[in-house]
Every structure is written in C-alpha cells, then in structure tokens.
C-alpha cells in the first residue's frame, strides 16, 4: 500500500502541491499525540508561556505535560494536525468553558475550603528559595492538606534533625534535596537517613545544581540555563551570563515571578514534590 503521508508531513508532494495539514480545535478531552515525543493524552487546559500558548495534555496515568502549538505538531488518529485554541478555551484561572478551576499545581481547586490544622508530618527543603517555589505552585494544596514546609539551610546535619524530630506513623518527614545524584555527599547522607528511618522518612531529590534550574528556561524566555564552569559561584555566574546585576536575591525574585503553574517546572522536580506530598499525607 502506498504511503499517503511520506516521511515529512510538511514537504511538497511529487505533484508540486504543498500537503494540506488540517487544523483542529483543541476542545477539552480531545485525545491527541505529540508528533515529536509520542506523548498521548487528553486536552485538559492551557498555559501561556514566553513563546506563546501551550496545550496541557493528561495521559492515562494522570500525568500532565505542556506542549507548544505549531504546524503539524500533533497527531489525531494517526494523522498530522495543527491544533488551535477554542474561541473560549478553559482557563486554568477560571472556568470559561465550564470546566473546573485549577490550582497552580494542576489540582482541582476546592472553593470555600478552610486551611486544615497542621498535620504532625512535615516537608523539609534545603533553602528558603525551594520553600518559596513550592509555596507558589503547591501552596493551595498544602493548606488544604495541612502540610507545613520548613527549610533546613542545608542537609549536612539531616540525621541529627530527623532524630530530634522523632518521626513515626503520625509524624512523617519528606525531604527534598538539591543535586541528589549518584556518588554525591547528598546521596550518602540521604541513604544513611532512610536506612535508619525507612518507614517514616522519605528523602527524594532532583538532579539540578540549584532549584533555579528546575524552572523551565522557556518560562524566562531563554533557550537554556547558562553553563557555569566548576569552581565558580553558580548563581552569580548565571546572573552574569544573562546580563543581570549580580544580586542573587533580586534575581530569584525575577525568576519566581515568571512561574505561573506546574507547567513552568521540570518533571524531575514535579514528580518528586508530588511523591513527598503523597508520603506525608498518606493515612
């Protein structure tokens, strides 16, 4: 059987006519596949980034990812299509199309719900910037669940802090660690803690040098985070490479201001935070 589509859906056909790519309105629950990555999911929302609108797709496991719009960027029933926004699309900040209002983390917002009294369990993060980022994206969820996030100022004394906390089934601790990679000091500390408190303490981490890197470059309108040579202060190096004043506090405020929702964060951070929330809120 002849290949009706060929290898390039945007290429000219043999008769000299450009192949027509149909346009499809991305209505809620429409199931499409990202042509580049193969990710398949239903349309559940929209996010506006530095380069334009992105459609949020949810796969069969409930995982969500943003995908930028573009010519022939998606497949519908195996055929290339160009998705466009509905005239009145569902908004993540308001149900223009009748859909549920969602929090910055993607959860369905619960209206008129008072914050729960704090649980005995805690989520610990290394620094105040990590805590601020989690508050911005997951704050609504955490208040409903009654989960308090505390910053440690580093994890060198994590074992001592955990022993002082005396975790148990009603007082669990979830710890988010920066730059948790094989062979690192952070990994050795995490392993020693979880080996002693395996049931009531969960230590997870992301691979980034700093939580700044867990924010998608596209959220800031840059192609990638600058590569800073080893031995140089990373944050100061980033500021210099981006042409910003060497003021890491002001730079962080600028970066955090560009974060609107979970879609602006890297999956390596998203998944870990969700796991920690599930761990400390499990019955």
Protein backbone atom coordinates (compact mmCIF):
# COMPACT_ATOMS: atom_id res chain seq x y z
CA UNK A 1 0.00 0.00 0.00
CA UNK A 2 1.36 3.42 -0.89
CA UNK A 3 2.45 5.75 1.91
CA UNK A 4 -0.04 8.60 1.73
CA UNK A 5 1.89 10.81 4.12
CA UNK A 6 5.56 10.24 3.38
CA UNK A 7 8.33 11.00 5.83
CA UNK A 8 7.79 14.74 6.08
CA UNK A 9 4.25 15.95 6.55
CA UNK A 10 5.27 19.50 5.63
CA UNK A 11 7.20 18.62 2.47
CA UNK A 12 5.96 19.36 -1.03
CA UNK A 13 4.29 16.38 -2.68
CA UNK A 14 5.54 14.92 -6.03
CA UNK A 15 2.96 16.91 -7.97
CA UNK A 16 4.35 20.21 -6.68
CA UNK A 17 1.49 20.99 -4.30
CA UNK A 18 2.07 21.60 -0.61
CA UNK A 19 0.43 18.96 1.52
CA UNK A 20 -2.53 20.42 3.43
CA UNK A 21 -2.37 19.88 7.17
CA UNK A 22 -5.84 20.07 8.71
CA UNK A 23 -6.48 22.45 11.58
CA UNK A 24 -8.32 21.09 14.60
CA UNK A 25 -9.81 22.93 17.56
CA UNK A 26 -8.34 21.52 20.78
CA UNK A 27 -11.58 21.12 22.71
CA UNK A 28 -11.50 19.67 26.24
CA UNK A 29 -10.95 15.88 26.35
CA UNK A 30 -9.75 15.70 22.74
CA UNK A 31 -7.13 12.93 22.63
CA UNK A 32 -4.05 13.66 20.53
CA UNK A 33 -0.42 12.60 20.31
CA UNK A 34 2.62 14.86 20.27
CA UNK A 35 4.28 14.14 16.93
CA UNK A 36 7.79 14.76 18.28
CA UNK A 37 7.73 12.84 21.57
CA UNK A 38 4.90 10.34 21.13
CA UNK A 39 3.20 11.55 24.35
CA UNK A 40 -0.52 10.81 24.08
CA UNK A 41 -3.14 12.48 26.21
CA UNK A 42 -6.39 14.37 26.51
CA UNK A 43 -6.65 18.15 26.41
CA UNK A 44 -7.20 19.40 29.96
CA UNK A 45 -6.09 23.03 29.87
CA UNK A 46 -3.83 25.79 28.57
CA UNK A 47 -0.81 27.75 29.71
CA UNK A 48 0.70 30.86 28.23
CA UNK A 49 4.49 30.91 28.08
CA UNK A 50 7.14 33.26 26.76
CA UNK A 51 6.82 31.79 23.27
CA UNK A 52 3.03 31.55 23.12
CA UNK A 53 0.27 29.17 24.15
CA UNK A 54 0.86 25.58 25.18
CA UNK A 55 -1.82 22.91 25.42
CA UNK A 56 -1.82 20.74 28.56
CA UNK A 57 -2.25 17.03 27.85
CA UNK A 58 -3.06 14.42 30.51
CA UNK A 59 -2.08 10.81 29.81
CA UNK A 60 -3.88 7.68 31.01
CA UNK A 61 -1.79 7.65 34.21
CA UNK A 62 -2.94 11.16 35.16
CA UNK A 63 0.41 12.77 34.33
CA UNK A 64 0.30 16.18 32.66
CA UNK A 65 2.66 17.99 30.34
CA UNK A 66 2.52 21.23 28.34
CA UNK A 67 3.14 21.16 24.58
CA UNK A 68 3.66 24.22 22.43
CA UNK A 69 1.42 24.68 19.43
CA UNK A 70 2.85 24.53 15.94
CA UNK A 71 2.16 23.34 12.39
CA UNK A 72 1.62 19.56 12.29
CA UNK A 73 2.83 19.31 15.89
CA UNK A 74 0.21 16.70 16.84
CA UNK A 75 -1.36 13.52 15.51
CA UNK A 76 -5.08 12.77 15.64
CA UNK A 77 -5.99 9.18 14.87
CA UNK A 78 -2.55 8.81 13.30
CA UNK A 79 -2.78 11.84 11.02
CA UNK A 80 -0.90 15.11 11.41
CA UNK A 81 -2.96 18.08 12.57
CA UNK A 82 -2.35 21.65 13.67
CA UNK A 83 -4.11 22.38 16.95
CA UNK A 84 -5.66 25.76 17.68
CA UNK A 85 -7.22 27.11 20.84
CA UNK A 86 -11.00 27.19 21.18
CA UNK A 87 -12.62 30.60 20.88
CA UNK A 88 -13.38 30.47 24.61
CA UNK A 89 -10.89 27.92 25.99
CA UNK A 90 -11.00 26.58 29.52
CA UNK A 91 -8.70 28.69 31.67
CA UNK A 92 -6.55 27.44 34.49
CA UNK A 93 -7.60 30.51 36.45
CA UNK A 94 -11.30 30.41 35.63
CA UNK A 95 -13.82 28.05 34.02
CA UNK A 96 -14.59 29.99 30.82
CA UNK A 97 -15.64 26.76 29.20
CA UNK A 98 -17.44 25.44 32.27
CA UNK A 99 -14.50 23.32 33.44
CA UNK A 100 -13.19 23.25 37.00
CA UNK A 101 -10.93 25.97 38.35
CA UNK A 102 -7.48 24.53 38.96
CA UNK A 103 -4.68 25.47 41.32
CA UNK A 104 -1.16 26.26 40.15
CA UNK A 105 -0.24 22.60 40.72
CA UNK A 106 -2.98 21.42 38.34
CA UNK A 107 -5.28 20.12 41.08
CA UNK A 108 -8.98 20.95 41.04
CA UNK A 109 -9.47 23.97 43.30
CA UNK A 110 -11.71 23.49 46.33
CA UNK A 111 -13.82 26.60 46.87
CA UNK A 112 -14.64 27.97 50.32
CA UNK A 113 -12.38 25.41 51.99
CA UNK A 114 -10.59 26.49 55.15
CA UNK A 115 -6.98 25.54 55.66
CA UNK A 116 -6.63 22.36 57.67
CA UNK A 117 -4.97 22.40 61.08
CA UNK A 118 -1.33 21.48 60.54
CA UNK A 119 -0.51 17.79 60.49
CA UNK A 120 2.26 16.32 62.57
CA UNK A 121 4.12 15.43 59.37
CA UNK A 122 6.42 17.87 57.60
CA UNK A 123 8.13 18.50 54.28
CA UNK A 124 11.68 19.77 54.63
CA UNK A 125 13.60 21.55 51.89
CA UNK A 126 17.16 22.83 51.82
CA UNK A 127 16.61 26.56 51.46
CA UNK A 128 14.12 29.40 51.54
CA UNK A 129 14.02 29.62 47.74
CA UNK A 130 12.97 25.97 47.49
CA UNK A 131 10.24 26.68 50.03
CA UNK A 132 9.05 29.76 48.12
CA UNK A 133 8.79 27.82 44.87
CA UNK A 134 6.81 25.02 46.49
CA UNK A 135 4.50 27.54 48.13
CA UNK A 136 3.84 29.27 44.81
CA UNK A 137 2.92 26.09 42.95
CA UNK A 138 1.58 23.76 45.66
CA UNK A 139 0.56 26.24 48.37
CA UNK A 140 -3.20 25.81 47.91
CA UNK A 141 -2.89 22.02 48.04
CA UNK A 142 -0.65 22.09 51.10
CA UNK A 143 -3.00 24.34 53.06
CA UNK A 144 -5.94 22.04 52.35
CA UNK A 145 -3.87 19.03 53.43
CA UNK A 146 -2.44 20.80 56.47
CA UNK A 147 1.18 20.23 55.44
CA UNK A 148 3.86 22.63 56.64
CA UNK A 149 7.04 23.16 54.58
CA UNK A 150 10.19 24.06 56.51
CA UNK A 151 13.64 24.91 55.17
CA UNK A 152 16.76 23.42 56.73
CA UNK A 153 19.55 25.63 55.47
CA UNK A 154 21.36 22.59 54.09
CA UNK A 155 21.34 18.87 54.87
CA UNK A 156 24.73 18.28 56.48
CA UNK A 157 23.02 17.74 59.84
CA UNK A 158 19.95 15.98 58.43
CA UNK A 159 20.42 12.86 60.55
CA UNK A 160 20.54 14.94 63.72
CA UNK A 161 17.44 16.90 62.72
CA UNK A 162 15.50 13.72 61.98
CA UNK A 163 16.47 12.13 65.29
CA UNK A 164 15.34 15.27 67.13
CA UNK A 165 12.02 15.17 65.26
CA UNK A 166 11.43 11.52 66.28
CA UNK A 167 9.34 10.51 63.24
CA UNK A 168 6.61 7.89 63.48
CA UNK A 169 3.48 6.92 61.58
CA UNK A 170 1.70 10.15 62.52
CA UNK A 171 4.78 12.34 62.21
CA UNK A 172 6.43 11.59 58.90
CA UNK A 173 9.11 13.62 57.19
CA UNK A 174 9.54 14.12 53.46
CA UNK A 175 12.83 15.73 52.47
CA UNK A 176 13.59 17.40 49.14
CA UNK A 177 17.31 17.59 48.37
CA UNK A 178 19.09 19.61 45.69
CA UNK A 179 21.57 17.86 43.39
CA UNK A 180 20.79 14.33 44.57
CA UNK A 181 22.95 12.36 42.13
CA UNK A 182 24.83 9.04 42.50
CA UNK A 183 28.08 9.26 44.43
CA UNK A 184 27.42 12.71 45.86
CA UNK A 185 27.67 13.77 49.50
CA UNK A 186 23.94 14.44 49.44
CA UNK A 187 23.21 10.89 48.34
CA UNK A 188 25.34 9.40 51.12
CA UNK A 189 23.51 11.50 53.71
CA UNK A 190 20.12 10.56 52.26
CA UNK A 191 20.97 6.85 52.24
CA UNK A 192 22.09 6.88 55.87
CA UNK A 193 18.89 8.60 57.00
CA UNK A 194 16.50 6.38 55.06
CA UNK A 195 18.29 3.22 56.19
CA UNK A 196 17.58 4.15 59.82
CA UNK A 197 14.10 5.64 59.34
CA UNK A 198 12.87 3.76 56.27
CA UNK A 199 9.18 3.67 57.25
CA UNK A 200 8.68 7.26 58.35
CA UNK A 201 11.19 9.34 56.37
CA UNK A 202 11.39 9.72 52.60
CA UNK A 203 14.31 11.58 51.07
CA UNK A 204 13.99 12.50 47.40
CA UNK A 205 15.84 14.92 45.22
CA UNK A 206 16.31 16.47 41.83
CA UNK A 207 19.49 16.43 39.72
CA UNK A 208 19.88 20.20 39.43
CA UNK A 209 22.72 22.19 40.98
CA UNK A 210 20.14 24.62 42.35
CA UNK A 211 16.37 24.87 42.37
CA UNK A 212 16.66 27.69 39.80
CA UNK A 213 17.43 25.05 37.19
CA UNK A 214 14.20 23.22 38.00
CA UNK A 215 12.33 26.07 36.32
CA UNK A 216 11.97 25.63 32.59
CA UNK A 217 14.17 28.07 30.63
CA UNK A 218 11.20 28.83 28.38
CA UNK A 219 9.40 30.36 31.37
CA UNK A 220 12.11 33.03 31.44
CA UNK A 221 12.28 33.43 27.68
CA UNK A 222 15.74 31.86 27.37
CA UNK A 223 16.83 28.80 25.40
CA UNK A 224 18.74 27.14 28.24
CA UNK A 225 20.31 27.80 31.60
CA UNK A 226 23.89 29.04 31.21
CA UNK A 227 26.66 26.50 31.81
CA UNK A 228 28.87 27.79 34.61
CA UNK A 229 32.43 26.39 34.91
CA UNK A 230 33.16 24.35 38.02
CA UNK A 231 34.72 26.36 40.79
CA UNK A 232 32.71 29.48 40.06
CA UNK A 233 29.68 30.51 42.17
CA UNK A 234 26.77 29.14 40.17
CA UNK A 235 24.09 31.74 40.88
CA UNK A 236 26.43 34.68 40.41
CA UNK A 237 27.66 33.09 37.18
CA UNK A 238 24.10 32.74 35.90
CA UNK A 239 23.36 36.39 36.67
CA UNK A 240 26.46 37.48 34.78
CA UNK A 241 25.80 35.23 31.80
CA UNK A 242 22.24 36.55 31.50
CA UNK A 243 23.35 40.18 31.79
CA UNK A 244 21.66 40.70 35.16
CA UNK A 245 23.03 42.57 38.16
CA UNK A 246 24.98 40.26 40.47
CA UNK A 247 22.28 40.23 43.11
CA UNK A 248 21.05 36.68 43.62
CA UNK A 249 18.15 37.73 45.83
CA UNK A 250 16.78 40.11 43.21
CA UNK A 251 17.46 37.54 40.51
CA UNK A 252 15.45 34.92 42.37
CA UNK A 253 12.53 37.33 42.72
CA UNK A 254 12.68 37.89 38.98
CA UNK A 255 12.80 34.16 38.26
CA UNK A 256 10.00 33.26 40.66
CA UNK A 257 7.84 35.98 39.16
CA UNK A 258 7.82 34.09 35.86
CA UNK A 259 6.48 30.89 37.44
CA UNK A 260 2.73 30.67 36.94
CA UNK A 261 1.99 26.98 37.35
CA UNK A 262 3.44 23.47 37.39
CA UNK A 263 3.85 23.74 33.61
CA UNK A 264 6.81 26.08 34.20
CA UNK A 265 8.70 23.43 36.19
CA UNK A 266 10.81 20.50 35.06
CA UNK A 267 9.32 16.99 35.50
CA UNK A 268 12.30 15.95 37.64
CA UNK A 269 11.10 18.36 40.34
CA UNK A 270 7.35 17.96 39.79
CA UNK A 271 7.34 14.23 40.35
CA UNK A 272 9.47 14.40 43.49
CA UNK A 273 7.33 17.04 45.19
CA UNK A 274 4.13 15.13 44.39
CA UNK A 275 5.67 11.96 45.87
CA UNK A 276 6.62 13.78 49.06
CA UNK A 277 3.12 15.24 49.46
CA UNK A 278 1.59 11.79 48.96
CA UNK A 279 4.01 10.31 51.52
CA UNK A 280 3.32 12.78 54.32
CA UNK A 281 -0.46 12.77 53.75
CA UNK A 282 -0.94 9.01 53.44
CA UNK A 283 -3.32 7.57 56.06
